[in-house]
């Protein structure tokens, strides 16, 4: 399908089956120079207006402020393709959209995939698929707008700034619907959205869905001890004890980044990754080749936190570095020690972020246990559009109830942080 095009709002839409078909600098120019995002338009949000105010008042994810998000970059997405982590029999078929003007200049792009399953998305729609199947419908294939295997908010409607920005955005949204029809898909799903993207998709009739994560925010701590001083006394003692106990068995910790990353490091980490994947979900998503590919493509954007005992690596946590955010991605271990997971994934990540002057740490999806360790609840957002009007209405009704539950959970969790109460 490369080179196929459709006219939409004075921009042509091209379907790209591999990022090898576009220069990295051209793709990356769409988000590294993006304008400061506007506030979301509450009036455009669907479900209906009587629910809209609650969406804009709750705490929300703010990684869209990171002007150099590593995951939406050509280097990261192309590494997934070159390594075979997507494409082939993975169930993720790349069908990226490009919008160009009459002179061939790139106006916008969307990372998109035809999906034959619902794995690796971290926004779970299995219940929708099962209900539609029971009703006699066919849910797969579907069209997925996302960064595969990556529950991190990032721009998805990548639009160059300027007078043609709205034209490009409208063309991309129209292009997604045309592409859904072309693959005979049941639906379009866009996950981990920034406010401008979700406002644009809601205005186009998509249903908005909220979920929550836990992020560490740095208000200007000079170091980890300064962070600890902001906690209630009892919580502070717990964290200090956990850090001490995590390394009690003679374990040392290394930060490895940039050109110091070697294939030996990746061999060790892949063993950890496979061990965790085999125990948690049975079929790890990323191939061994991915780690070599991404390390070669963007080494300065990677932080590997490794634990060593008795001369060998026993555990590790993979992170990616944005302009002002540290993104925790994968973790694994071949020896199990109390609190070592917390040390590598949460405390060492905070240490690194504070040393680099980063504004936040995102430690991945889910995990209320992060709350006691200084990570606060935030909302994340996705948008969904279903071709079948009956399924669309049924999901809209379900989401109204789910939104209420998320709001209640956010309110409860916000009162359970470990920080000292202000007098």
Protein backbone atom coordinates (compact mmCIF):
# COMPACT_ATOMS: atom_id res chain seq x y z
CA UNK A 1 0.00 0.00 0.00
CA UNK A 2 2.95 2.45 -0.02
CA UNK A 3 2.21 5.53 -2.04
CA UNK A 4 -1.56 5.09 -2.07
CA UNK A 5 -3.33 8.37 -1.38
CA UNK A 6 -6.74 9.88 -0.73
CA UNK A 7 -7.77 13.52 -0.84
CA UNK A 8 -8.87 15.07 2.45
CA UNK A 9 -9.19 18.78 3.30
CA UNK A 10 -6.59 19.96 0.72
CA UNK A 11 -3.96 17.52 1.97
CA UNK A 12 -3.10 14.14 0.50
CA UNK A 13 -2.85 11.11 2.77
CA UNK A 14 -0.17 8.50 2.17
CA UNK A 15 -0.08 5.06 3.82
CA UNK A 16 3.39 4.07 4.96
CA UNK A 17 3.94 0.38 5.70
CA UNK A 18 7.41 0.98 7.17
CA UNK A 19 9.17 3.94 8.71
CA UNK A 20 12.08 3.09 6.43
CA UNK A 21 10.05 5.05 3.87
CA UNK A 22 10.57 8.42 5.59
CA UNK A 23 13.71 10.22 6.71
CA UNK A 24 14.16 10.31 10.51
CA UNK A 25 14.64 14.09 10.56
CA UNK A 26 11.44 14.64 8.57
CA UNK A 27 9.35 12.47 10.94
CA UNK A 28 10.92 13.91 14.09
CA UNK A 29 10.41 17.51 12.96
CA UNK A 30 6.68 17.03 13.51
CA UNK A 31 6.89 16.68 17.29
CA UNK A 32 10.21 18.18 18.39
CA UNK A 33 9.03 21.59 17.28
CA UNK A 34 5.39 21.18 18.27
CA UNK A 35 3.67 24.27 19.71
CA UNK A 36 2.80 24.44 23.39
CA UNK A 37 -0.40 22.41 23.76
CA UNK A 38 -3.63 24.25 24.33
CA UNK A 39 -5.98 23.31 27.13
CA UNK A 40 -8.44 20.58 26.18
CA UNK A 41 -11.84 21.70 25.00
CA UNK A 42 -14.21 20.35 27.63
CA UNK A 43 -17.28 21.09 25.52
CA UNK A 44 -16.06 18.73 22.80
CA UNK A 45 -15.55 15.79 25.11
CA UNK A 46 -17.82 12.79 24.69
CA UNK A 47 -19.62 11.29 26.79
CA UNK A 48 -22.32 13.96 27.04
CA UNK A 49 -21.90 17.42 28.39
CA UNK A 50 -23.29 16.76 31.85
CA UNK A 51 -20.18 14.63 32.50
CA UNK A 52 -17.67 16.94 30.84
CA UNK A 53 -16.72 19.12 33.81
CA UNK A 54 -15.49 16.19 35.88
CA UNK A 55 -12.99 15.30 33.16
CA UNK A 56 -11.23 18.68 33.21
CA UNK A 57 -11.12 19.04 36.99
CA UNK A 58 -9.30 15.80 37.91
CA UNK A 59 -5.50 15.46 38.09
CA UNK A 60 -4.15 14.56 34.67
CA UNK A 61 -1.04 13.19 33.07
CA UNK A 62 1.31 15.96 31.97
CA UNK A 63 4.11 14.26 30.00
CA UNK A 64 2.85 16.06 26.91
CA UNK A 65 5.00 18.91 28.19
CA UNK A 66 8.08 16.85 27.29
CA UNK A 67 9.11 18.37 23.99
CA UNK A 68 11.40 15.46 23.10
CA UNK A 69 9.42 12.35 23.92
CA UNK A 70 11.67 9.39 23.01
CA UNK A 71 8.90 6.93 22.15
CA UNK A 72 7.30 8.81 19.28
CA UNK A 73 10.69 9.31 17.65
CA UNK A 74 11.61 7.66 14.36
CA UNK A 75 14.51 5.90 16.13
CA UNK A 76 12.28 4.13 18.64
CA UNK A 77 9.44 3.21 16.29
CA UNK A 78 11.80 2.07 13.53
CA UNK A 79 13.74 -0.07 16.02
CA UNK A 80 10.49 -1.93 16.78
CA UNK A 81 10.05 -2.59 13.06
CA UNK A 82 13.65 -3.55 12.23
CA UNK A 83 13.81 -5.94 15.18
CA UNK A 84 10.64 -7.80 14.27
CA UNK A 85 8.90 -6.74 17.49
CA UNK A 86 6.12 -5.40 15.25
CA UNK A 87 5.20 -6.55 11.77
CA UNK A 88 5.31 -10.12 10.53
CA UNK A 89 3.28 -12.43 12.74
CA UNK A 90 3.29 -10.09 15.75
CA UNK A 91 -0.29 -8.93 15.13
CA UNK A 92 0.96 -5.34 14.74
CA UNK A 93 0.98 -4.36 11.04
CA UNK A 94 2.41 -0.86 10.48
CA UNK A 95 0.06 1.41 8.51
CA UNK A 96 1.34 4.87 9.36
CA UNK A 97 -0.37 7.89 7.82
CA UNK A 98 1.42 10.88 6.30
CA UNK A 99 -0.30 14.13 5.28
CA UNK A 100 1.40 16.20 2.58
CA UNK A 101 0.53 19.41 0.80
CA UNK A 102 0.45 19.86 -2.96
CA UNK A 103 4.19 20.50 -3.05
CA UNK A 104 4.94 17.29 -1.20
CA UNK A 105 5.84 18.96 2.09
CA UNK A 106 5.07 16.90 5.18
CA UNK A 107 2.23 18.43 7.19
CA UNK A 108 1.52 15.63 9.66
CA UNK A 109 1.75 11.96 10.52
CA UNK A 110 0.13 9.29 12.70
CA UNK A 111 1.78 6.10 13.98
CA UNK A 112 -0.89 3.48 13.26
CA UNK A 113 -1.16 -0.31 13.16
CA UNK A 114 -3.70 -2.87 12.04
CA UNK A 115 -4.21 -5.18 15.01
CA UNK A 116 -5.36 -8.79 15.05
CA UNK A 117 -5.55 -8.93 18.87
CA UNK A 118 -5.62 -6.59 21.88
CA UNK A 119 -2.23 -7.39 23.43
CA UNK A 120 0.53 -4.91 24.18
CA UNK A 121 -1.69 -1.82 24.40
CA UNK A 122 -2.18 -1.28 28.17
CA UNK A 123 -5.69 0.09 27.53
CA UNK A 124 -7.80 -3.02 27.81
CA UNK A 125 -10.69 -3.55 25.41
CA UNK A 126 -11.01 -7.33 25.72
CA UNK A 127 -14.50 -6.94 27.23
CA UNK A 128 -15.62 -4.89 24.21
CA UNK A 129 -14.24 -7.54 21.85
CA UNK A 130 -15.92 -10.40 23.71
CA UNK A 131 -19.29 -8.63 23.90
CA UNK A 132 -19.20 -7.82 20.20
CA UNK A 133 -18.25 -11.40 19.37
CA UNK A 134 -21.16 -12.74 21.44
CA UNK A 135 -23.48 -10.39 19.54
CA UNK A 136 -22.28 -11.89 16.25
CA UNK A 137 -19.82 -9.16 15.29
CA UNK A 138 -16.16 -9.38 14.21
CA UNK A 139 -13.93 -7.14 16.34
CA UNK A 140 -10.61 -7.83 14.63
CA UNK A 141 -8.92 -6.37 12.74
CA UNK A 142 -9.00 -2.99 14.41
CA UNK A 143 -6.90 0.13 13.84
CA UNK A 144 -4.57 1.13 16.67
CA UNK A 145 -2.95 4.58 17.00
CA UNK A 146 -0.20 4.15 19.55
CA UNK A 147 3.40 3.39 20.38
CA UNK A 148 3.43 -0.41 20.69
CA UNK A 149 4.04 -1.86 24.15
CA UNK A 150 4.49 1.62 25.63
CA UNK A 151 1.99 3.05 28.16
CA UNK A 152 3.38 6.60 28.02
CA UNK A 153 1.48 9.70 26.98
CA UNK A 154 2.90 11.24 23.81
CA UNK A 155 1.52 13.14 20.81
CA UNK A 156 -0.07 10.86 18.22
CA UNK A 157 -1.53 13.34 15.72
CA UNK A 158 1.86 14.72 14.74
CA UNK A 159 1.25 18.06 13.06
CA UNK A 160 3.79 20.62 11.89
CA UNK A 161 3.17 24.09 13.35
CA UNK A 162 1.90 26.79 11.06
CA UNK A 163 -1.13 27.89 9.10
CA UNK A 164 -1.80 24.39 7.76
CA UNK A 165 -1.86 22.67 11.16
CA UNK A 166 -5.64 22.38 11.45
CA UNK A 167 -5.93 21.26 7.84
CA UNK A 168 -3.37 18.55 8.51
CA UNK A 169 -5.06 17.41 11.72
CA UNK A 170 -8.44 17.16 9.99
CA UNK A 171 -6.87 15.29 7.09
CA UNK A 172 -5.21 12.78 9.42
CA UNK A 173 -8.44 12.10 11.33
CA UNK A 174 -10.33 11.63 8.06
CA UNK A 175 -7.49 9.43 6.87
CA UNK A 176 -7.84 7.16 9.90
CA UNK A 177 -11.50 6.54 9.10
CA UNK A 178 -10.66 5.83 5.44
CA UNK A 179 -7.95 3.43 6.54
CA UNK A 180 -10.30 1.65 8.94
CA UNK A 181 -12.72 1.11 6.07
CA UNK A 182 -9.90 -0.10 3.83
CA UNK A 183 -8.85 -2.84 6.28
CA UNK A 184 -12.51 -3.58 7.12
CA UNK A 185 -11.77 -2.88 10.78
CA UNK A 186 -14.35 -2.70 13.53
CA UNK A 187 -12.93 0.35 15.28
CA UNK A 188 -10.16 2.91 15.80
CA UNK A 189 -8.34 3.23 19.12
CA UNK A 190 -5.89 6.01 19.98
CA UNK A 191 -4.14 5.55 23.32
CA UNK A 192 -2.16 7.65 25.82
CA UNK A 193 -3.20 10.96 24.33
CA UNK A 194 -2.12 14.53 24.95
CA UNK A 195 -4.86 17.15 25.54
CA UNK A 196 -4.77 18.56 21.97
CA UNK A 197 -5.07 15.10 20.45
CA UNK A 198 -7.92 13.98 22.64
CA UNK A 199 -9.81 17.26 22.09
CA UNK A 200 -9.48 16.88 18.32
CA UNK A 201 -10.59 13.25 18.37
CA UNK A 202 -13.49 13.95 20.73
CA UNK A 203 -14.69 16.71 18.40
CA UNK A 204 -14.60 14.12 15.60
CA UNK A 205 -16.97 11.84 17.50
CA UNK A 206 -14.56 9.58 19.36
CA UNK A 207 -15.40 8.36 22.86
CA UNK A 208 -12.89 9.35 25.55
CA UNK A 209 -11.73 6.85 28.12
CA UNK A 210 -9.77 7.63 31.29
CA UNK A 211 -7.36 5.45 33.24
CA UNK A 212 -4.73 6.19 35.86
CA UNK A 213 -1.02 5.87 36.43
CA UNK A 214 1.37 6.99 39.17
CA UNK A 215 4.06 9.57 38.42
CA UNK A 216 6.76 11.18 40.54
CA UNK A 217 6.90 14.95 40.24
CA UNK A 218 9.98 16.94 41.15
CA UNK A 219 9.16 20.40 42.51
CA UNK A 220 12.86 21.21 42.79
CA UNK A 221 14.40 18.71 45.25
CA UNK A 222 18.17 19.03 45.39
CA UNK A 223 18.62 15.30 46.03
CA UNK A 224 16.90 12.18 47.39
CA UNK A 225 17.35 13.29 51.01
CA UNK A 226 15.46 16.50 50.24
CA UNK A 227 12.65 14.39 48.78
CA UNK A 228 12.62 12.25 51.94
CA UNK A 229 12.32 15.34 54.10
CA UNK A 230 9.03 16.15 52.35
CA UNK A 231 7.52 12.86 53.58
CA UNK A 232 5.76 12.14 56.83
CA UNK A 233 8.19 10.78 59.42
CA UNK A 234 6.85 7.23 59.43
CA UNK A 235 6.86 7.02 55.62
CA UNK A 236 10.39 8.42 55.51
CA UNK A 237 11.63 5.67 57.82
CA UNK A 238 9.96 2.99 55.69
CA UNK A 239 11.65 4.21 52.50
CA UNK A 240 15.06 4.39 54.15
CA UNK A 241 14.65 0.87 55.48
CA UNK A 242 13.56 -0.46 52.09
CA UNK A 243 16.59 1.09 50.37
CA UNK A 244 18.93 -0.34 52.99
CA UNK A 245 17.39 -3.82 52.88
CA UNK A 246 17.36 -3.92 49.07
CA UNK A 247 21.16 -3.83 48.96
CA UNK A 248 21.83 -5.80 52.15
CA UNK A 249 23.02 -8.94 50.33
CA UNK A 250 26.11 -7.20 48.97
CA UNK A 251 24.29 -5.83 45.94
CA UNK A 252 25.68 -2.83 44.07
CA UNK A 253 23.89 -0.67 41.52
CA UNK A 254 25.19 0.73 38.23
CA UNK A 255 23.77 3.36 35.89
CA UNK A 256 24.73 2.62 32.27
CA UNK A 257 23.87 5.00 29.46
CA UNK A 258 25.09 6.28 26.12
CA UNK A 259 28.07 4.65 24.47
CA UNK A 260 28.84 2.71 27.66
CA UNK A 261 25.97 0.34 26.79
CA UNK A 262 27.33 -2.93 25.39
CA UNK A 263 25.89 -6.14 23.99
CA UNK A 264 26.92 -7.85 27.22
CA UNK A 265 24.65 -5.45 29.13
CA UNK A 266 21.79 -6.24 26.76
CA UNK A 267 22.37 -9.99 27.00
CA UNK A 268 22.07 -9.73 30.77
CA UNK A 269 19.03 -7.48 30.65
CA UNK A 270 17.24 -9.66 28.09
CA UNK A 271 17.52 -12.62 30.44
CA UNK A 272 15.84 -10.52 33.15
CA UNK A 273 13.18 -9.33 30.72
CA UNK A 274 12.38 -12.85 29.56
CA UNK A 275 12.14 -14.16 33.12
CA UNK A 276 9.60 -11.48 34.07
CA UNK A 277 7.69 -11.84 30.80
CA UNK A 278 7.45 -15.61 31.07
CA UNK A 279 6.07 -15.35 34.61
CA UNK A 280 3.67 -12.44 34.02
CA UNK A 281 2.18 -12.78 30.57
CA UNK A 282 3.74 -15.81 28.94
CA UNK A 283 4.96 -14.23 25.70
CA UNK A 284 7.28 -11.21 25.98
CA UNK A 285 6.66 -8.65 23.27
CA UNK A 286 10.15 -7.36 22.50
CA UNK A 287 12.76 -9.40 20.64
CA UNK A 288 16.40 -9.54 21.68
CA UNK A 289 17.24 -7.65 18.49
CA UNK A 290 15.13 -4.69 19.62
CA UNK A 291 17.49 -3.84 22.45
CA UNK A 292 20.50 -3.82 20.14
CA UNK A 293 18.63 -1.77 17.54
CA UNK A 294 17.36 0.88 19.92
CA UNK A 295 20.72 1.08 21.72
CA UNK A 296 22.49 1.77 18.43
CA UNK A 297 19.82 4.26 17.31
CA UNK A 298 19.42 6.36 20.48
CA UNK A 299 21.98 5.41 23.16
CA UNK A 300 21.94 8.81 24.88
CA UNK A 301 18.20 8.44 25.48
CA UNK A 302 18.60 5.15 27.39
CA UNK A 303 19.34 4.52 31.06
CA UNK A 304 19.91 0.94 32.15
CA UNK A 305 19.92 0.50 35.94
CA UNK A 306 21.63 -2.78 36.81
CA UNK A 307 22.08 -4.63 40.09
CA UNK A 308 25.18 -6.80 40.58
CA UNK A 309 25.95 -9.39 43.22
CA UNK A 310 28.97 -11.68 43.53
CA UNK A 311 30.39 -10.43 40.25
CA UNK A 312 27.34 -10.91 38.01
CA UNK A 313 24.30 -8.89 37.05
CA UNK A 314 21.15 -10.19 38.72
CA UNK A 315 18.46 -7.58 37.93
CA UNK A 316 17.84 -4.51 35.81
CA UNK A 317 15.43 -1.74 34.91
CA UNK A 318 15.26 -0.10 31.48
CA UNK A 319 14.43 3.61 31.26
CA UNK A 320 14.23 6.16 28.47
CA UNK A 321 15.21 9.81 28.91
CA UNK A 322 13.10 12.66 27.55
CA UNK A 323 13.71 16.38 27.69
CA UNK A 324 12.30 16.62 31.22
CA UNK A 325 10.98 13.12 32.01
CA UNK A 326 12.49 9.75 32.89
CA UNK A 327 10.29 6.96 31.56
CA UNK A 328 10.53 3.60 33.30
CA UNK A 329 9.81 0.78 30.87
CA UNK A 330 10.86 -2.80 31.65
CA UNK A 331 12.23 -4.65 34.66
CA UNK A 332 13.41 -8.16 35.41
CA UNK A 333 15.54 -10.23 37.75
CA UNK A 334 17.10 -13.70 37.96
CA UNK A 335 17.59 -13.45 41.74
CA UNK A 336 14.88 -12.19 44.04
CA UNK A 337 15.76 -9.95 47.00
CA UNK A 338 13.37 -7.97 49.21
CA UNK A 339 12.66 -4.46 47.88
CA UNK A 340 15.14 -4.75 44.97
CA UNK A 341 12.33 -4.05 42.51
CA UNK A 342 11.43 -0.85 44.38
CA UNK A 343 15.08 0.18 44.56
CA UNK A 344 15.84 -0.22 40.86
CA UNK A 345 12.52 0.88 39.38
CA UNK A 346 11.46 3.68 41.73
CA UNK A 347 14.18 4.95 44.06
CA UNK A 348 17.10 4.79 41.62
CA UNK A 349 14.86 6.40 38.98
CA UNK A 350 14.15 9.29 41.36
CA UNK A 351 17.87 9.56 42.13
CA UNK A 352 18.70 9.82 38.43
CA UNK A 353 15.90 12.29 37.69
CA UNK A 354 16.99 14.57 40.52
CA UNK A 355 20.64 14.37 39.43
CA UNK A 356 19.62 15.34 35.88
CA UNK A 357 17.14 18.01 36.97
CA UNK A 358 14.22 16.18 35.32
CA UNK A 359 10.70 17.25 36.23
CA UNK A 360 9.08 13.84 36.57
CA UNK A 361 9.42 10.09 36.55
CA UNK A 362 6.85 7.88 34.85
CA UNK A 363 7.21 4.33 36.12
CA UNK A 364 4.87 2.60 33.68
CA UNK A 365 1.31 1.36 33.92
CA UNK A 366 -0.77 0.63 37.01
CA UNK A 367 0.70 -0.11 40.45
CA UNK A 368 -0.93 1.48 43.50
CA UNK A 369 2.11 0.33 45.50
CA UNK A 370 3.94 3.28 43.88
CA UNK A 371 1.79 5.67 45.90
CA UNK A 372 3.64 4.99 49.17
CA UNK A 373 6.93 5.66 47.37
CA UNK A 374 6.23 9.22 46.30
CA UNK A 375 4.44 8.60 43.02
CA UNK A 376 1.08 10.39 42.77
CA UNK A 377 -2.07 9.43 40.83
CA UNK A 378 -2.65 11.05 37.43
CA UNK A 379 -5.15 10.43 34.66
CA UNK A 380 -4.27 9.07 31.24
CA UNK A 381 -6.59 9.20 28.24
CA UNK A 382 -7.53 7.25 25.14
CA UNK A 383 -10.09 7.76 22.36
CA UNK A 384 -12.24 5.14 20.63
CA UNK A 385 -14.55 5.08 17.64
CA UNK A 386 -16.64 2.07 16.60
CA UNK A 387 -18.10 1.51 13.15
CA UNK A 388 -21.14 -0.33 14.51
CA UNK A 389 -23.52 2.31 16.01
CA UNK A 390 -24.87 -0.20 18.52
CA UNK A 391 -21.40 -1.06 19.82
CA UNK A 392 -20.50 2.64 19.92
CA UNK A 393 -23.56 3.41 22.06
CA UNK A 394 -22.93 0.44 24.35
CA UNK A 395 -19.30 1.45 24.95
CA UNK A 396 -20.35 5.07 25.56
CA UNK A 397 -22.71 3.89 28.29
CA UNK A 398 -20.02 1.68 29.82
CA UNK A 399 -17.51 4.56 29.81
CA UNK A 400 -19.89 6.86 31.68
CA UNK A 401 -19.84 4.40 34.59
CA UNK A 402 -16.10 3.76 34.27
CA UNK A 403 -15.33 7.50 34.34
CA UNK A 404 -17.23 7.82 37.61
CA UNK A 405 -15.20 4.97 39.13
CA UNK A 406 -11.91 6.53 37.98
CA UNK A 407 -12.93 9.87 39.48
CA UNK A 408 -13.73 8.22 42.81
CA UNK A 409 -10.44 6.32 42.82
CA UNK A 410 -8.48 9.47 42.02
CA UNK A 411 -10.09 11.34 44.89
CA UNK A 412 -9.31 8.53 47.36
CA UNK A 413 -5.73 7.97 46.17
CA UNK A 414 -4.91 11.68 46.21
CA UNK A 415 -5.49 11.60 49.98
CA UNK A 416 -3.15 8.64 50.51
CA UNK A 417 0.17 10.17 49.45
CA UNK A 418 3.09 9.84 51.90
CA UNK A 419 3.86 13.56 52.03
CA UNK A 420 3.63 15.63 55.20
CA UNK A 421 0.34 17.38 55.67
CA UNK A 422 0.55 21.13 55.32
CA UNK A 423 -0.50 22.96 58.49
